[in-house]
Protein backbone atom coordinates (compact mmCIF):
# COMPACT_ATOMS: atom_id res chain seq x y z
CA MET A 1 0.00 0.00 0.00
CA ASN A 2 1.28 3.43 -0.92
CA LYS A 3 1.79 5.54 2.23
CA ARG A 4 1.95 8.86 0.36
CA ARG A 5 -1.16 11.02 0.45
CA LYS A 6 -2.70 12.05 -2.81
CA PHE A 7 -5.33 14.71 -3.18
CA LEU A 8 -7.91 14.44 -5.89
CA LEU A 9 -10.41 17.14 -6.78
CA ALA A 10 -13.21 15.17 -8.41
CA SER A 11 -16.96 14.81 -8.69
CA VAL A 12 -18.63 11.87 -6.98
CA LEU A 13 -20.67 9.90 -9.50
CA ALA A 14 -21.87 7.00 -7.35
CA LEU A 15 -21.45 4.99 -4.20
CA GLN A 16 -19.97 1.62 -5.09
CA ASN A 17 -21.98 -0.18 -2.39
CA SER A 18 -24.54 0.78 0.20
CA SER A 19 -22.70 -0.78 3.13
CA PHE A 20 -20.31 1.92 4.32
CA ILE A 21 -19.65 0.76 7.89
CA TYR A 22 -18.34 -2.60 8.98
CA PRO A 23 -17.65 -4.38 12.27
CA SER A 24 -13.92 -4.18 12.85
CA CYS A 25 -11.23 -5.73 14.97
CA ARG A 26 -9.91 -3.40 17.66
CA LYS A 27 -6.37 -4.73 17.12
CA CYS A 28 -5.89 -4.95 13.33
CA PHE A 29 -8.98 -3.10 11.97
CA SER A 30 -9.96 -6.05 9.73
CA ARG A 31 -13.61 -7.02 9.31
CA VAL A 32 -14.73 -9.30 12.12
CA ILE A 33 -17.27 -12.08 11.87
CA LEU A 34 -20.21 -11.70 14.24
CA VAL A 35 -21.52 -15.09 15.34
CA SER A 36 -24.28 -15.24 17.92
CA LYS A 37 -23.03 -12.99 20.72
CA ARG A 38 -19.32 -13.20 19.83
CA SER A 39 -17.01 -11.47 17.37
CA ASN A 40 -14.07 -13.25 15.78
CA CYS A 41 -11.27 -11.73 13.70
CA PRO A 42 -10.14 -14.14 10.98
CA LYS A 43 -6.92 -12.16 10.46
CA CYS A 44 -5.42 -11.86 13.95
CA GLY A 45 -7.62 -14.28 15.92
CA SER A 46 -8.93 -11.67 18.34
CA THR A 47 -12.32 -12.45 19.92
CA GLY A 48 -14.81 -10.48 21.95
CA GLU A 49 -18.42 -9.87 22.77
CA ALA A 50 -20.52 -8.78 19.79
CA GLU A 51 -22.10 -5.94 21.76
CA ASN A 52 -18.63 -4.40 22.29
CA THR A 53 -17.68 -4.53 18.61
CA SER A 54 -16.37 -1.31 17.16
CA TYR A 55 -17.26 -0.18 13.65
CA ARG A 56 -15.24 1.60 10.98
CA TYR A 57 -16.11 3.47 7.83
CA LYS A 58 -15.33 2.07 4.40
CA LEU A 59 -16.67 4.36 1.72
CA SER A 60 -16.14 3.25 -1.89
CA LEU A 61 -16.88 5.87 -4.52
CA LYS A 62 -16.81 6.17 -8.27
CA VAL A 63 -15.45 9.64 -9.09
CA ALA A 64 -14.61 11.64 -12.20
CA GLU A 65 -11.76 14.07 -12.61
CA SER A 66 -11.53 15.79 -15.98
CA ASN A 67 -12.03 12.92 -18.42
CA LYS A 68 -10.81 10.16 -16.08
CA LEU A 69 -12.84 7.79 -13.91
CA PHE A 70 -11.54 6.44 -10.61
CA VAL A 71 -12.84 4.10 -7.95
CA ILE A 72 -11.53 5.20 -4.59
CA THR A 73 -12.05 3.73 -1.14
CA VAL A 74 -11.70 5.80 2.01
CA PHE A 75 -11.28 3.93 5.31
CA GLY A 76 -11.45 4.73 8.96
CA SER A 77 -11.72 7.65 11.29
CA CYS A 78 -10.87 10.29 8.68
CA LEU A 79 -14.60 10.05 7.77
CA ASP A 80 -15.73 10.85 11.34
CA THR A 81 -15.67 14.56 10.52
CA PHE A 82 -17.58 14.05 7.28
CA PHE A 83 -20.39 12.10 8.97
CA GLY A 84 -20.19 14.08 12.22
CA LEU A 85 -19.76 11.01 14.44
CA THR A 86 -17.81 7.79 14.67
CA ALA A 87 -18.89 4.71 12.71
CA THR A 88 -19.62 2.95 16.01
CA ASP A 89 -21.95 5.76 17.10
CA LEU A 90 -23.63 5.80 13.68
CA HIS A 91 -24.15 2.03 13.89
CA LYS A 92 -25.84 2.44 17.29
CA ILE A 93 -28.22 5.09 15.87
CA LEU A 94 -29.02 2.99 12.80
CA LYS A 95 -29.62 -0.10 14.93
CA ALA A 96 -31.95 1.80 17.30
CA ASN A 97 -33.89 3.29 14.38
CA MET A 98 -34.19 -0.10 12.68
CA GLU A 99 -35.75 -1.45 15.86
CA LYS A 100 -38.27 1.42 15.82
CA VAL A 101 -39.08 0.72 12.17
CA ARG A 102 -39.53 -3.01 12.89
CA ILE A 103 -41.89 -2.24 15.77
CA SER A 104 -43.89 0.21 13.62
CA VAL A 105 -44.15 -2.25 10.73
CA THR A 106 -45.23 -5.05 13.07
CA TYR A 107 -47.83 -2.76 14.67
CA MET A 108 -49.13 -1.62 11.26
CA HIS A 109 -49.32 -5.25 10.08
CA ALA A 110 -51.31 -6.17 13.19
CA LEU A 111 -53.73 -3.27 12.60
CA THR A 112 -54.14 -4.19 8.93
CA THR A 113 -54.78 -7.83 9.80
CA LYS A 114 -57.31 -6.77 12.45
CA GLU A 115 -59.13 -4.50 9.96
CA LYS A 116 -59.29 -7.29 7.35
CA SER A 117 -60.77 -9.73 9.87
CA LYS A 118 -63.62 -7.26 10.63
CA HIS A 119 -64.84 -7.38 7.02
């Protein structure tokens, strides 16, 4: 990996994938595997409780500069400023909101089913 920084003034054309945070190992920053209530790092062998897993940003973008196209990937805490919070904190917010959405959908489904049974 090239350690030199390069700056690119470009236009973002697209996100390469919609998953821009991932569960990461606290020791080597690799993606961990979450199994049941445990996390396991396949790279360094570190293990831990899934609820204590930290998350990191991985933002892959397709960008254009002049007449050239590039796919760039930006990792880690340098994106904290862009998003306004750490990836771990963002994951907690997304998880909490997904629970609210699930509860709302389940409630709406129950109401719809109840209304159908009246007719």
